[in-house]
Each structure stands twice: as structure tokens, then as C-alpha cells.
């Protein structure tokens, strides 16, 4: 019985890196950074899963609530005021224009999805959002 020689397509999934003659590896894609469960996307289009708590004394990050980032908002949940305050607060925190932050879903819910259009990397994005310090 003849043994079959593995094809390149068979090996591609198992070993996507090759060793170059000078000892460097080639052909492997960069490993994706892992981060908080409430953040998805990539630089230029980050999506934040938010659990909003309107009517608070001041706007601030409280922490994580399941797979969402819990944020208190100092505006009442009347006529979209809390949503606007949330978007404005996130934009200010990230150093973005208000037009770069959009509500994707959850307008009438506490659980929301917010799109932030910025070229920041994951680590910078998270740090700015959580600390408010622009570095």
C-alpha cells in the first residue's frame, strides 16, 4: 500500500509558519491581541458592548457587567438624552469628535452597542476609555 505524501493545503492549517534559510520565520499571521469581552473589532472600527445606568450623579466607568462595560451616565433616560450623553462622554474620553462615535443598537435598552471610529490599538483604546488619560 502506497503512502500519500501530504499536500501543502493539508499542512497549511497545522503549520502556517515556515523557516526561512536565514533562520527567520515567514508566513505566519500576527496573533490577534486578546482583550476585554466588551470590546470587539479592530483599529479604525471598535465596537463596545455597554451596560448603561442613566440618571447617575456623574458619568463614570463602574466596571464589567457580564460581557459589557458598565457606565453610569449623568443624564435621565428621557427622549434619548442618556444615549447622547453616553456617546458624548465616550468621544470625550477617547479624544474623538462626537461624529466618530455612533450608537449601533440598544437605543431603548440598557444594553447598547457603540461604534468608535479611531485608529487606536486595542491597548491604547482600553486605557483611554477606562482612565480617560490621553497619552
N, C-alpha and C. Protein backbone atom coordinates (compact mmCIF):
# COMPACT_ATOMS: atom_id res chain seq x y z
N UNK A 1 0.84 -1.17 0.00
CA UNK A 1 0.00 0.00 0.00
C UNK A 1 0.89 1.23 0.00
N UNK A 2 0.61 2.14 -0.90
CA UNK A 2 1.42 3.36 -1.03
C UNK A 2 0.94 4.40 -0.04
N UNK A 3 1.89 5.12 0.55
CA UNK A 3 1.51 6.20 1.47
C UNK A 3 1.42 7.49 0.68
N UNK A 4 0.48 8.26 1.05
CA UNK A 4 0.23 9.52 0.35
C UNK A 4 1.08 10.61 0.99
N UNK A 5 1.74 11.38 0.17
CA UNK A 5 2.53 12.50 0.66
C UNK A 5 1.58 13.65 0.95
N UNK A 6 1.68 14.26 2.14
CA UNK A 6 0.76 15.36 2.47
C UNK A 6 0.91 16.53 1.51
N UNK A 7 -0.21 17.08 1.10
CA UNK A 7 -0.20 18.24 0.22
C UNK A 7 0.02 19.51 1.03
N UNK A 8 0.42 20.56 0.38
CA UNK A 8 0.63 21.85 1.06
C UNK A 8 -0.65 22.32 1.73
N UNK A 9 -1.80 22.07 1.09
CA UNK A 9 -3.07 22.51 1.67
C UNK A 9 -3.38 21.74 2.94
N UNK A 10 -2.91 20.49 3.06
CA UNK A 10 -3.11 19.71 4.29
C UNK A 10 -2.29 20.30 5.44
N UNK A 11 -1.11 20.77 5.13
CA UNK A 11 -0.22 21.29 6.16
C UNK A 11 -0.53 22.72 6.53
N UNK A 12 -1.23 23.45 5.68
CA UNK A 12 -1.44 24.88 5.89
C UNK A 12 -2.15 25.17 7.20
N UNK A 13 -3.16 24.40 7.55
CA UNK A 13 -3.88 24.66 8.78
C UNK A 13 -3.08 24.34 10.03
N UNK A 14 -2.23 23.29 9.94
CA UNK A 14 -1.45 22.88 11.11
C UNK A 14 -0.23 23.74 11.32
N UNK A 15 0.46 24.05 10.24
CA UNK A 15 1.72 24.76 10.38
C UNK A 15 1.79 25.87 9.35
N UNK A 16 1.30 27.04 9.71
CA UNK A 16 1.25 28.12 8.74
C UNK A 16 2.57 28.89 8.68
N UNK A 17 3.55 28.56 9.54
CA UNK A 17 4.84 29.25 9.52
C UNK A 17 5.88 28.38 8.87
N UNK A 18 6.79 28.99 8.14
CA UNK A 18 7.90 28.30 7.51
C UNK A 18 9.18 28.92 8.02
N UNK A 19 10.25 28.16 7.98
CA UNK A 19 11.53 28.67 8.41
C UNK A 19 12.31 29.09 7.18
N UNK A 20 12.72 30.33 7.14
CA UNK A 20 13.50 30.87 6.04
C UNK A 20 14.93 30.39 6.18
N UNK A 21 15.69 30.41 5.10
CA UNK A 21 17.07 29.91 5.14
C UNK A 21 17.96 30.68 6.12
N UNK A 22 17.61 31.95 6.43
CA UNK A 22 18.43 32.71 7.38
C UNK A 22 17.96 32.53 8.83
N UNK A 23 16.99 31.65 9.06
CA UNK A 23 16.56 31.36 10.42
C UNK A 23 15.32 32.11 10.89
N UNK A 24 14.81 33.02 10.08
CA UNK A 24 13.62 33.77 10.48
C UNK A 24 12.37 33.02 10.03
N UNK A 25 11.28 33.23 10.73
CA UNK A 25 10.03 32.59 10.33
C UNK A 25 9.28 33.51 9.38
N UNK A 26 8.62 32.91 8.43
CA UNK A 26 7.82 33.65 7.47
C UNK A 26 6.48 32.97 7.31
N UNK A 27 5.49 33.72 6.88
CA UNK A 27 4.21 33.14 6.53
C UNK A 27 3.22 32.99 7.66
N UNK A 28 3.52 33.45 8.86
CA UNK A 28 2.55 33.32 9.96
C UNK A 28 1.93 34.68 10.21
N UNK A 29 0.64 34.70 10.27
CA UNK A 29 -0.07 35.94 10.56
C UNK A 29 0.14 36.29 12.04
N UNK A 30 0.12 37.56 12.34
CA UNK A 30 0.28 38.00 13.72
C UNK A 30 -0.87 37.48 14.57
N UNK A 31 -0.56 37.05 15.77
CA UNK A 31 -1.59 36.56 16.68
C UNK A 31 -2.47 37.73 17.10
N UNK A 32 -3.79 37.57 17.08
CA UNK A 32 -4.65 38.67 17.49
C UNK A 32 -4.50 38.94 18.99
N UNK A 33 -4.55 40.21 19.34
CA UNK A 33 -4.47 40.58 20.75
C UNK A 33 -5.79 40.18 21.42
N UNK A 34 -5.67 39.70 22.63
CA UNK A 34 -6.89 39.42 23.37
C UNK A 34 -7.15 40.60 24.29
N UNK A 35 -8.36 40.82 24.57
CA UNK A 35 -8.72 41.96 25.40
C UNK A 35 -10.01 41.67 26.13
N UNK A 36 -10.61 42.70 26.66
CA UNK A 36 -11.86 42.51 27.40
C UNK A 36 -12.98 42.01 26.50
N UNK A 37 -13.90 41.28 27.11
CA UNK A 37 -15.02 40.70 26.35
C UNK A 37 -15.94 41.77 25.79
N UNK A 38 -15.95 42.95 26.38
CA UNK A 38 -16.86 44.02 25.93
C UNK A 38 -16.33 44.79 24.72
N UNK A 39 -15.14 44.47 24.27
CA UNK A 39 -14.55 45.18 23.12
C UNK A 39 -14.32 44.22 21.97
N UNK A 40 -14.81 44.58 20.80
CA UNK A 40 -14.56 43.79 19.60
C UNK A 40 -14.23 44.72 18.45
N UNK A 41 -13.76 44.15 17.38
CA UNK A 41 -13.42 44.95 16.22
C UNK A 41 -11.92 45.01 16.01
N UNK A 42 -11.49 46.08 15.39
CA UNK A 42 -10.08 46.28 15.06
C UNK A 42 -9.81 47.76 14.96
N UNK A 43 -8.53 48.15 14.93
CA UNK A 43 -8.26 49.59 14.80
C UNK A 43 -9.02 50.18 13.63
N UNK A 44 -9.60 51.28 13.85
CA UNK A 44 -10.45 52.08 12.98
C UNK A 44 -11.94 51.82 13.22
N UNK A 45 -12.31 50.64 13.71
CA UNK A 45 -13.73 50.35 13.97
C UNK A 45 -13.85 49.47 15.21
N UNK A 46 -13.89 50.08 16.38
CA UNK A 46 -14.05 49.34 17.63
C UNK A 46 -15.53 49.36 18.04
N UNK A 47 -16.03 48.22 18.49
CA UNK A 47 -17.41 48.12 18.97
C UNK A 47 -17.36 47.80 20.46
N UNK A 48 -18.04 48.63 21.24
CA UNK A 48 -18.06 48.48 22.69
C UNK A 48 -19.45 48.01 23.11
N UNK A 49 -19.50 46.94 23.89
CA UNK A 49 -20.76 46.48 24.47
C UNK A 49 -20.90 47.20 25.81
N UNK A 50 -21.94 48.02 25.94
CA UNK A 50 -22.11 48.87 27.12
C UNK A 50 -23.37 48.49 27.86
N UNK A 51 -23.28 48.48 29.18
CA UNK A 51 -24.46 48.37 30.05
C UNK A 51 -24.60 49.76 30.68
N UNK A 52 -25.58 50.52 30.26
CA UNK A 52 -25.74 51.91 30.71
C UNK A 52 -26.61 51.98 31.95
N UNK A 53 -26.24 52.90 32.83
CA UNK A 53 -27.04 53.18 34.02
C UNK A 53 -27.32 54.68 34.02
N UNK A 54 -28.44 55.09 33.42
CA UNK A 54 -28.75 56.52 33.34
C UNK A 54 -29.21 57.08 34.69
N UNK A 55 -29.19 58.42 34.80
CA UNK A 55 -29.67 59.08 36.00
C UNK A 55 -28.68 59.07 37.15
N UNK A 56 -27.41 58.86 36.88
CA UNK A 56 -26.40 58.83 37.94
C UNK A 56 -25.96 60.26 38.29
N UNK A 57 -25.24 60.40 39.40
CA UNK A 57 -24.72 61.72 39.79
C UNK A 57 -23.68 62.23 38.82
N UNK A 58 -22.82 61.32 38.36
CA UNK A 58 -21.79 61.70 37.39
C UNK A 58 -21.55 60.54 36.44
N UNK A 59 -21.01 60.85 35.28
CA UNK A 59 -20.70 59.80 34.30
C UNK A 59 -19.35 59.19 34.65
N UNK A 60 -19.33 57.85 34.68
CA UNK A 60 -18.09 57.15 35.03
C UNK A 60 -18.20 55.68 34.66
N UNK A 61 -17.04 55.05 34.50
CA UNK A 61 -16.98 53.61 34.29
C UNK A 61 -17.09 52.95 35.65
N UNK A 62 -17.99 51.98 35.77
CA UNK A 62 -18.18 51.27 37.02
C UNK A 62 -17.35 49.99 37.03
N UNK A 63 -17.28 49.32 35.89
CA UNK A 63 -16.56 48.05 35.78
C UNK A 63 -17.25 47.19 34.74
N UNK A 64 -17.03 45.90 34.84
CA UNK A 64 -17.64 44.99 33.89
C UNK A 64 -18.94 44.43 34.46
N UNK A 65 -19.90 44.24 33.58
CA UNK A 65 -21.19 43.65 33.95
C UNK A 65 -21.43 42.53 32.93
N UNK A 66 -21.04 41.30 33.29
CA UNK A 66 -21.10 40.21 32.34
C UNK A 66 -20.09 40.46 31.24
N UNK A 67 -20.55 40.50 30.01
CA UNK A 67 -19.65 40.77 28.89
C UNK A 67 -19.78 42.22 28.40
N UNK A 68 -20.27 43.10 29.27
CA UNK A 68 -20.44 44.51 28.92
C UNK A 68 -19.60 45.39 29.85
N UNK A 69 -19.30 46.58 29.39
CA UNK A 69 -18.66 47.59 30.22
C UNK A 69 -19.78 48.43 30.81
N UNK A 70 -19.86 48.46 32.14
CA UNK A 70 -20.94 49.21 32.79
C UNK A 70 -20.50 50.66 32.97
N UNK A 71 -21.32 51.59 32.46
CA UNK A 71 -21.04 53.01 32.53
C UNK A 71 -22.25 53.73 33.12
N UNK A 72 -22.00 54.52 34.15
CA UNK A 72 -23.05 55.38 34.72
C UNK A 72 -23.08 56.66 33.90
N UNK A 73 -24.30 57.15 33.64
CA UNK A 73 -24.48 58.36 32.84
C UNK A 73 -25.27 59.37 33.64
N UNK A 74 -24.80 60.61 33.63
CA UNK A 74 -25.43 61.67 34.42
C UNK A 74 -26.55 62.39 33.66
N UNK A 75 -27.33 61.64 32.91
CA UNK A 75 -28.47 62.21 32.19
C UNK A 75 -29.65 61.26 32.35
N UNK A 76 -30.86 61.80 32.35
CA UNK A 76 -32.04 60.94 32.51
C UNK A 76 -32.36 60.19 31.22
N UNK A 77 -33.00 59.03 31.33
CA UNK A 77 -33.34 58.26 30.14
C UNK A 77 -34.61 58.77 29.47
N UNK A 78 -34.64 60.06 29.21
CA UNK A 78 -35.82 60.70 28.61
C UNK A 78 -35.44 61.28 27.26
N UNK A 79 -36.22 60.92 26.23
CA UNK A 79 -36.05 61.46 24.88
C UNK A 79 -34.63 61.32 24.35
N UNK A 80 -33.95 60.21 24.68
CA UNK A 80 -32.62 59.94 24.13
C UNK A 80 -31.49 60.76 24.76
N UNK A 81 -31.78 61.48 25.84
CA UNK A 81 -30.74 62.31 26.46
C UNK A 81 -29.59 61.47 27.02
N UNK A 82 -29.92 60.32 27.62
CA UNK A 82 -28.88 59.46 28.17
C UNK A 82 -28.00 58.87 27.06
N UNK A 83 -28.60 58.51 25.93
CA UNK A 83 -27.82 58.00 24.81
C UNK A 83 -26.86 59.06 24.28
N UNK A 84 -27.36 60.27 24.10
CA UNK A 84 -26.49 61.36 23.63
C UNK A 84 -25.37 61.65 24.62
N UNK A 85 -25.69 61.64 25.90
CA UNK A 85 -24.68 61.88 26.93
C UNK A 85 -23.63 60.77 26.92
N UNK A 86 -24.08 59.52 26.73
CA UNK A 86 -23.15 58.39 26.66
C UNK A 86 -22.19 58.54 25.49
N UNK A 87 -22.72 58.84 24.31
CA UNK A 87 -21.87 58.99 23.12
C UNK A 87 -20.90 60.15 23.29
N UNK A 88 -21.39 61.25 23.84
CA UNK A 88 -20.53 62.41 24.05
C UNK A 88 -19.42 62.07 25.06
N UNK A 89 -19.78 61.37 26.13
CA UNK A 89 -18.81 61.02 27.16
C UNK A 89 -17.73 60.09 26.60
N UNK A 90 -18.13 59.08 25.81
CA UNK A 90 -17.16 58.15 25.21
C UNK A 90 -16.25 58.90 24.25
N UNK A 91 -16.80 59.78 23.42
CA UNK A 91 -15.99 60.56 22.49
C UNK A 91 -14.97 61.42 23.23
N UNK A 92 -15.41 62.08 24.27
CA UNK A 92 -14.52 62.93 25.05
C UNK A 92 -13.42 62.10 25.71
N UNK A 93 -13.79 60.97 26.25
CA UNK A 93 -12.85 60.07 26.93
C UNK A 93 -11.76 59.57 25.99
N UNK A 94 -12.15 59.30 24.73
CA UNK A 94 -11.20 58.76 23.75
C UNK A 94 -10.49 59.85 22.96
N UNK A 95 -10.88 61.10 23.17
CA UNK A 95 -10.27 62.19 22.41
C UNK A 95 -10.73 62.24 20.97
N UNK A 96 -12.00 61.89 20.74
CA UNK A 96 -12.56 61.85 19.39
C UNK A 96 -13.60 62.95 19.20
N UNK A 97 -13.94 63.20 17.94
CA UNK A 97 -15.07 64.08 17.65
C UNK A 97 -16.35 63.30 17.91
N UNK A 98 -17.39 64.01 18.24
CA UNK A 98 -18.68 63.36 18.53
C UNK A 98 -19.17 62.53 17.34
N UNK A 99 -18.87 62.97 16.13
CA UNK A 99 -19.32 62.25 14.93
C UNK A 99 -18.62 60.91 14.74
N UNK A 100 -17.52 60.67 15.45
CA UNK A 100 -16.79 59.41 15.32
C UNK A 100 -17.34 58.31 16.23
N UNK A 101 -18.34 58.63 17.03
CA UNK A 101 -18.94 57.66 17.96
C UNK A 101 -20.42 57.53 17.62
N UNK A 102 -20.86 56.30 17.36
CA UNK A 102 -22.22 56.06 16.89
C UNK A 102 -22.87 54.95 17.70
N UNK A 103 -24.15 55.10 17.97
CA UNK A 103 -24.92 54.05 18.64
C UNK A 103 -25.39 53.06 17.58
N UNK A 104 -24.92 51.81 17.68
CA UNK A 104 -25.30 50.78 16.70
C UNK A 104 -26.59 50.08 17.08
N UNK A 105 -26.82 49.92 18.37
CA UNK A 105 -28.03 49.22 18.79
C UNK A 105 -28.29 49.42 20.27
N UNK A 106 -29.54 49.25 20.66
CA UNK A 106 -29.92 49.34 22.05
C UNK A 106 -30.39 50.72 22.47
N UNK A 107 -30.97 51.48 21.56
CA UNK A 107 -31.40 52.84 21.86
C UNK A 107 -32.36 52.91 23.04
N UNK A 108 -33.24 51.92 23.18
CA UNK A 108 -34.20 51.96 24.27
C UNK A 108 -33.91 50.89 25.33
N UNK A 109 -32.71 50.36 25.31
CA UNK A 109 -32.31 49.31 26.25
C UNK A 109 -31.11 49.78 27.08
N UNK A 110 -30.88 49.14 28.20
CA UNK A 110 -29.68 49.44 28.97
C UNK A 110 -28.45 48.84 28.31
N UNK A 111 -28.63 47.73 27.59
CA UNK A 111 -27.51 47.10 26.88
C UNK A 111 -27.41 47.71 25.49
N UNK A 112 -26.25 48.29 25.21
CA UNK A 112 -26.06 49.03 23.96
C UNK A 112 -24.79 48.56 23.27
N UNK A 113 -24.72 48.82 21.98
CA UNK A 113 -23.50 48.60 21.19
C UNK A 113 -23.11 49.93 20.58
N UNK A 114 -21.87 50.34 20.86
CA UNK A 114 -21.39 51.64 20.42
C UNK A 114 -20.19 51.44 19.51
N UNK A 115 -20.19 52.11 18.36
CA UNK A 115 -19.08 52.07 17.41
C UNK A 115 -18.22 53.30 17.61
N UNK A 116 -16.91 53.09 17.78
CA UNK A 116 -15.96 54.20 17.88
C UNK A 116 -14.97 54.06 16.74
N UNK A 117 -14.91 55.06 15.88
CA UNK A 117 -14.02 55.03 14.73
C UNK A 117 -12.74 55.79 15.07
N UNK A 118 -11.68 55.03 15.36
CA UNK A 118 -10.40 55.59 15.74
C UNK A 118 -9.28 54.62 15.37
N UNK A 119 -8.12 55.13 14.98
CA UNK A 119 -7.02 54.24 14.62
C UNK A 119 -6.26 53.69 15.83
N UNK A 120 -6.72 53.94 17.03
CA UNK A 120 -6.03 53.46 18.24
C UNK A 120 -5.96 51.94 18.25
N UNK A 121 -4.87 51.41 18.79
CA UNK A 121 -4.74 49.98 19.01
C UNK A 121 -5.59 49.57 20.20
N UNK A 122 -5.77 48.29 20.39
CA UNK A 122 -6.62 47.77 21.45
C UNK A 122 -6.19 48.26 22.84
N UNK A 123 -4.91 48.14 23.16
CA UNK A 123 -4.42 48.53 24.49
C UNK A 123 -4.63 50.02 24.75
N UNK A 124 -4.30 50.86 23.77
CA UNK A 124 -4.50 52.31 23.92
C UNK A 124 -5.98 52.64 24.08
N UNK A 125 -6.81 51.98 23.29
CA UNK A 125 -8.24 52.23 23.32
C UNK A 125 -8.80 51.92 24.71
N UNK A 126 -8.45 50.76 25.24
CA UNK A 126 -8.95 50.34 26.55
C UNK A 126 -8.44 51.29 27.63
N UNK A 127 -7.15 51.64 27.58
CA UNK A 127 -6.60 52.53 28.60
C UNK A 127 -7.27 53.89 28.60
N UNK A 128 -7.46 54.47 27.42
CA UNK A 128 -8.13 55.78 27.34
C UNK A 128 -9.57 55.72 27.85
N UNK A 129 -10.26 54.66 27.48
CA UNK A 129 -11.67 54.53 27.88
C UNK A 129 -11.80 54.35 29.39
N UNK A 130 -10.92 53.56 29.97
CA UNK A 130 -11.03 53.27 31.40
C UNK A 130 -10.44 54.37 32.28
N UNK A 131 -9.37 55.02 31.83
CA UNK A 131 -8.72 56.02 32.68
C UNK A 131 -9.03 57.45 32.26
N UNK A 132 -9.37 57.64 30.99
CA UNK A 132 -9.64 58.99 30.49
C UNK A 132 -8.39 59.78 30.19
N UNK A 133 -7.22 59.15 30.32
CA UNK A 133 -5.97 59.88 30.06
C UNK A 133 -5.54 59.66 28.62
N UNK A 134 -5.33 60.76 27.93
CA UNK A 134 -4.87 60.71 26.56
C UNK A 134 -3.35 60.76 26.59
N UNK A 135 -2.73 59.69 26.12
CA UNK A 135 -1.27 59.59 26.15
C UNK A 135 -0.66 59.86 24.81
